[in-house]
Amino acid sequence: MDNVVYLDYKAKELEHLKSGQKTMIIRGAMGRKLPYGRVNKGDVLYFVENKGDGLIKGKAFVESVFNSEKLTKEQSVEMVEKNQDKLFLAPGQKKRFSGKRYLVLITIKDFKTIEPFQIDRSDYWNMDDWLPVENIEKVKINLLTELGI
């Protein structure tokens, strides 16, 4: 399964993935929402920054996934703190995820920068920060085709 993952541009998440400082992705919510239970070891993550250009610039493989049970605020804060060395979260991100009832921690491997491309998001009415696209080739926009070349 291929997934498109939006990264926090201001927190320089893509740069931290490139440098190897960040080796884990986190998502959290008060309820079970994407990608909870929907991402597995071996899946491919494609990374795009949330700065509006829509360009996918990196990819990595999922090494492991942890979907939490319902957490107390204290358990959630502790889990974020315990994994901060891999998450490499900016203060605002740490505040955003600490205290969520459900956390998904995704350890990645083999990050690499790729030739940037865009995807067709028209089938994804819910513009969340995680898109399970199944097969990236089906949503990849071929710019030459778009330009009629």
C-alpha atoms as a PDB file:
ATOM      1  CA  MET A   1       0.000   0.000   0.000  1.00  0.00           C
ATOM      2  CA  ASP A   2       1.267   3.455  -0.903  1.00  0.00           C
ATOM      3  CA  ASN A   3       0.450   6.449   1.295  1.00  0.00           C
ATOM      4  CA  VAL A   4       0.944  10.177   0.735  1.00  0.00           C
ATOM      5  CA  VAL A   5       2.038  11.843   3.960  1.00  0.00           C
ATOM      6  CA  TYR A   6       1.944  15.599   4.509  1.00  0.00           C
ATOM      7  CA  LEU A   7       4.857  16.976   6.514  1.00  0.00           C
ATOM      8  CA  ASP A   8       5.051  20.184   8.512  1.00  0.00           C
ATOM      9  CA  TYR A   9       7.003  22.633   6.360  1.00  0.00           C
ATOM     10  CA  LYS A  10       7.623  25.159   9.144  1.00  0.00           C
ATOM     11  CA  ALA A  11       9.022  22.416  11.410  1.00  0.00           C
ATOM     12  CA  LYS A  12      11.369  21.340   8.568  1.00  0.00           C
ATOM     13  CA  GLU A  13      10.227  17.716   8.831  1.00  0.00           C
ATOM     14  CA  LEU A  14      11.401  16.840   5.312  1.00  0.00           C
ATOM     15  CA  GLU A  15      14.858  18.247   6.046  1.00  0.00           C
ATOM     16  CA  HIS A  16      15.041  16.215   9.270  1.00  0.00           C
ATOM     17  CA  LEU A  17      14.074  13.049   7.378  1.00  0.00           C
ATOM     18  CA  LYS A  18      16.751  13.760   4.756  1.00  0.00           C
ATOM     19  CA  SER A  19      19.412  14.271   7.414  1.00  0.00           C
ATOM     20  CA  GLY A  20      18.413  11.104   9.273  1.00  0.00           C
ATOM     21  CA  GLN A  21      17.619  12.996  12.498  1.00  0.00           C
ATOM     22  CA  LYS A  22      13.949  12.016  12.141  1.00  0.00           C
ATOM     23  CA  THR A  23      13.195   8.304  11.728  1.00  0.00           C
ATOM     24  CA  MET A  24       9.621   8.179  13.016  1.00  0.00           C
ATOM     25  CA  ILE A  25       6.343   9.728  11.896  1.00  0.00           C
ATOM     26  CA  ILE A  26       3.564  10.441  14.387  1.00  0.00           C
ATOM     27  CA  ARG A  27      -0.132  11.003  13.950  1.00  0.00           C
ATOM     28  CA  GLY A  28      -2.596  11.476  16.756  1.00  0.00           C
ATOM     29  CA  ALA A  29      -6.242  12.240  17.371  1.00  0.00           C
ATOM     30  CA  MET A  30      -8.920  12.060  20.015  1.00  0.00           C
ATOM     31  CA  GLY A  31     -10.535   9.238  18.004  1.00  0.00           C
ATOM     32  CA  ARG A  32      -9.186   6.561  15.674  1.00  0.00           C
ATOM     33  CA  LYS A  33      -8.614   8.355  12.377  1.00  0.00           C
ATOM     34  CA  LEU A  34      -6.217   7.832   9.485  1.00  0.00           C
ATOM     35  CA  PRO A  35      -3.695   6.286   9.480  1.00  0.00           C
ATOM     36  CA  TYR A  36      -4.780   4.351  12.605  1.00  0.00           C
ATOM     37  CA  GLY A  37      -4.905   0.657  11.700  1.00  0.00           C
ATOM     38  CA  ARG A  38      -4.372   1.347   8.005  1.00  0.00           C
ATOM     39  CA  VAL A  39      -0.595   1.355   7.602  1.00  0.00           C
ATOM     40  CA  ASN A  40       1.592  -1.726   7.788  1.00  0.00           C
ATOM     41  CA  LYS A  41       5.203  -2.830   7.741  1.00  0.00           C
ATOM     42  CA  GLY A  42       6.471  -2.733   4.156  1.00  0.00           C
ATOM     43  CA  ASP A  43       4.091   0.013   3.009  1.00  0.00           C
ATOM     44  CA  VAL A  44       5.633   2.914   1.097  1.00  0.00           C
ATOM     45  CA  LEU A  45       5.260   6.480   2.338  1.00  0.00           C
ATOM     46  CA  TYR A  46       5.559   9.374  -0.111  1.00  0.00           C
ATOM     47  CA  PHE A  47       6.246  12.748   1.481  1.00  0.00           C
ATOM     48  CA  VAL A  48       4.878  16.152   0.528  1.00  0.00           C
ATOM     49  CA  GLU A  49       5.284  19.365   2.520  1.00  0.00           C
ATOM     50  CA  ASN A  50       2.207  21.323   3.593  1.00  0.00           C
ATOM     51  CA  LYS A  51       3.342  24.493   1.847  1.00  0.00           C
ATOM     52  CA  GLY A  52       0.952  24.390  -1.099  1.00  0.00           C
ATOM     53  CA  ASP A  53       3.170  23.283  -3.995  1.00  0.00           C
ATOM     54  CA  GLY A  54       1.802  19.717  -3.858  1.00  0.00           C
ATOM     55  CA  LEU A  55       5.137  18.207  -4.853  1.00  0.00           C
ATOM     56  CA  ILE A  56       6.057  14.798  -3.519  1.00  0.00           C
ATOM     57  CA  LYS A  57       9.768  14.973  -2.785  1.00  0.00           C
ATOM     58  CA  GLY A  58      10.710  11.886  -0.779  1.00  0.00           C
ATOM     59  CA  LYS A  59       9.822   8.314  -0.035  1.00  0.00           C
ATOM     60  CA  ALA A  60      10.528   5.707   2.626  1.00  0.00           C
ATOM     61  CA  PHE A  61       9.423   2.262   3.694  1.00  0.00           C
ATOM     62  CA  VAL A  62       7.507   1.472   6.860  1.00  0.00           C
ATOM     63  CA  GLU A  63       9.704  -0.566   9.188  1.00  0.00           C
ATOM     64  CA  SER A  64       7.211  -0.847  12.057  1.00  0.00           C
ATOM     65  CA  VAL A  65       3.897   0.584  13.231  1.00  0.00           C
ATOM     66  CA  PHE A  66       2.503   1.097  16.711  1.00  0.00           C
ATOM     67  CA  ASN A  67      -1.222   1.868  17.058  1.00  0.00           C
ATOM     68  CA  SER A  68      -1.932   2.809  20.665  1.00  0.00           C
ATOM     69  CA  GLU A  69      -4.917   1.739  22.683  1.00  0.00           C
ATOM     70  CA  LYS A  70      -6.919   4.582  24.251  1.00  0.00           C
ATOM     71  CA  LEU A  71      -4.404   6.654  26.225  1.00  0.00           C
ATOM     72  CA  THR A  72      -4.756   9.008  29.148  1.00  0.00           C
ATOM     73  CA  LYS A  73      -3.308  12.476  28.644  1.00  0.00           C
ATOM     74  CA  GLU A  74      -0.333  11.523  30.836  1.00  0.00           C
ATOM     75  CA  GLN A  75       0.334   8.293  28.879  1.00  0.00           C
ATOM     76  CA  SER A  76       0.161  10.191  25.610  1.00  0.00           C
ATOM     77  CA  VAL A  77       2.603  12.877  26.788  1.00  0.00           C
ATOM     78  CA  GLU A  78       4.946  10.171  28.072  1.00  0.00           C
ATOM     79  CA  MET A  79       4.843   8.288  24.755  1.00  0.00           C
ATOM     80  CA  VAL A  80       5.698  11.431  22.780  1.00  0.00           C
ATOM     81  CA  GLU A  81       8.550  12.274  25.154  1.00  0.00           C
ATOM     82  CA  LYS A  82       9.892   8.705  25.120  1.00  0.00           C
ATOM     83  CA  ASN A  83      10.117   8.738  21.304  1.00  0.00           C
ATOM     84  CA  GLN A  84      11.252  12.350  20.810  1.00  0.00           C
ATOM     85  CA  ASP A  85      14.777  11.227  19.809  1.00  0.00           C
ATOM     86  CA  LYS A  86      13.247   9.513  16.738  1.00  0.00           C
ATOM     87  CA  LEU A  87      10.328  11.897  16.179  1.00  0.00           C
ATOM     88  CA  PHE A  88      12.462  15.056  16.325  1.00  0.00           C
ATOM     89  CA  LEU A  89       9.362  17.210  16.879  1.00  0.00           C
ATOM     90  CA  ALA A  90       9.396  20.988  17.045  1.00  0.00           C
ATOM     91  CA  PRO A  91       7.846  22.439  20.251  1.00  0.00           C
ATOM     92  CA  GLY A  92       4.542  23.219  18.506  1.00  0.00           C
ATOM     93  CA  GLN A  93       4.294  19.691  17.125  1.00  0.00           C
ATOM     94  CA  LYS A  94       5.091  18.187  20.506  1.00  0.00           C
ATOM     95  CA  LYS A  95       2.277  20.233  22.026  1.00  0.00           C
ATOM     96  CA  ARG A  96      -0.103  19.205  19.221  1.00  0.00           C
ATOM     97  CA  PHE A  97       0.390  15.446  19.659  1.00  0.00           C
ATOM     98  CA  SER A  98       0.882  15.244  23.429  1.00  0.00           C
ATOM     99  CA  GLY A  99      -2.403  14.466  25.099  1.00  0.00           C
ATOM    100  CA  LYS A 100      -4.111  12.809  22.121  1.00  0.00           C
ATOM    101  CA  ARG A 101      -6.055   9.671  23.061  1.00  0.00           C
ATOM    102  CA  TYR A 102      -4.811   7.649  20.088  1.00  0.00           C
ATOM    103  CA  LEU A 103      -1.299   7.789  18.673  1.00  0.00           C
ATOM    104  CA  VAL A 104       0.200   6.081  15.661  1.00  0.00           C
ATOM    105  CA  LEU A 105       4.008   5.829  15.651  1.00  0.00           C
ATOM    106  CA  ILE A 106       5.541   4.778  12.348  1.00  0.00           C
ATOM    107  CA  THR A 107       9.230   3.930  12.146  1.00  0.00           C
ATOM    108  CA  ILE A 108      10.610   4.416   8.648  1.00  0.00           C
ATOM    109  CA  LYS A 109      13.647   3.092   6.827  1.00  0.00           C
ATOM    110  CA  ASP A 110      15.463   3.738   3.559  1.00  0.00           C
ATOM    111  CA  PHE A 111      14.379   7.378   3.163  1.00  0.00           C
ATOM    112  CA  LYS A 112      15.401   8.823  -0.165  1.00  0.00           C
ATOM    113  CA  THR A 113      14.872  12.054  -2.029  1.00  0.00           C
ATOM    114  CA  ILE A 114      13.058  11.510  -5.314  1.00  0.00           C
ATOM    115  CA  GLU A 115      12.377  13.481  -8.482  1.00  0.00           C
ATOM    116  CA  PRO A 116       9.442  15.720  -7.437  1.00  0.00           C
ATOM    117  CA  PHE A 117       6.013  14.968  -8.866  1.00  0.00           C
ATOM    118  CA  GLN A 118       2.380  15.831  -8.183  1.00  0.00           C
ATOM    119  CA  ILE A 119      -0.627  13.620  -7.654  1.00  0.00           C
ATOM    120  CA  ASP A 120      -4.256  13.893  -8.681  1.00  0.00           C
ATOM    121  CA  ARG A 121      -6.108  14.526  -5.428  1.00  0.00           C
ATOM    122  CA  SER A 122      -9.585  14.725  -6.986  1.00  0.00           C
ATOM    123  CA  ASP A 123     -10.634  11.354  -5.476  1.00  0.00           C
ATOM    124  CA  TYR A 124      -9.702  12.576  -1.986  1.00  0.00           C
ATOM    125  CA  TRP A 125     -12.450  14.944  -0.895  1.00  0.00           C
ATOM    126  CA  ASN A 126     -11.270  14.755   2.700  1.00  0.00           C
ATOM    127  CA  MET A 127      -7.982  16.612   2.423  1.00  0.00           C
ATOM    128  CA  ASP A 128      -6.362  15.182   5.502  1.00  0.00           C
ATOM    129  CA  ASP A 129      -2.620  14.966   6.150  1.00  0.00           C
ATOM    130  CA  TRP A 130      -2.576  11.258   5.254  1.00  0.00           C
ATOM    131  CA  LEU A 131      -3.846   9.834   1.963  1.00  0.00           C
ATOM    132  CA  PRO A 132      -3.945   6.048   1.461  1.00  0.00           C
ATOM    133  CA  VAL A 133      -3.565   6.028  -2.339  1.00  0.00           C
ATOM    134  CA  GLU A 134      -3.078   2.261  -2.755  1.00  0.00           C
ATOM    135  CA  ASN A 135      -0.813   2.595  -5.822  1.00  0.00           C
ATOM    136  CA  ILE A 136       1.090   5.857  -6.371  1.00  0.00           C
ATOM    137  CA  GLU A 137       1.281   5.239 -10.123  1.00  0.00           C
ATOM    138  CA  LYS A 138      -2.523   5.483 -10.378  1.00  0.00           C
ATOM    139  CA  VAL A 139      -2.578   9.028  -8.946  1.00  0.00           C
ATOM    140  CA  LYS A 140       0.761  10.314 -10.244  1.00  0.00           C
ATOM    141  CA  ILE A 141       0.385  13.201 -12.664  1.00  0.00           C
ATOM    142  CA  ASN A 142       2.557  12.878 -15.728  1.00  0.00           C
ATOM    143  CA  LEU A 143       3.422  16.514 -16.436  1.00  0.00           C
ATOM    144  CA  LEU A 144       4.354  15.789 -20.047  1.00  0.00           C
ATOM    145  CA  THR A 145       0.919  14.260 -20.646  1.00  0.00           C
ATOM    146  CA  GLU A 146      -0.730  17.198 -18.884  1.00  0.00           C
ATOM    147  CA  LEU A 147       1.139  19.583 -21.188  1.00  0.00           C
ATOM    148  CA  GLY A 148       0.110  17.550 -24.248  1.00  0.00           C
ATOM    149  CA  ILE A 149       3.680  16.478 -25.054  1.00  0.00           C
END
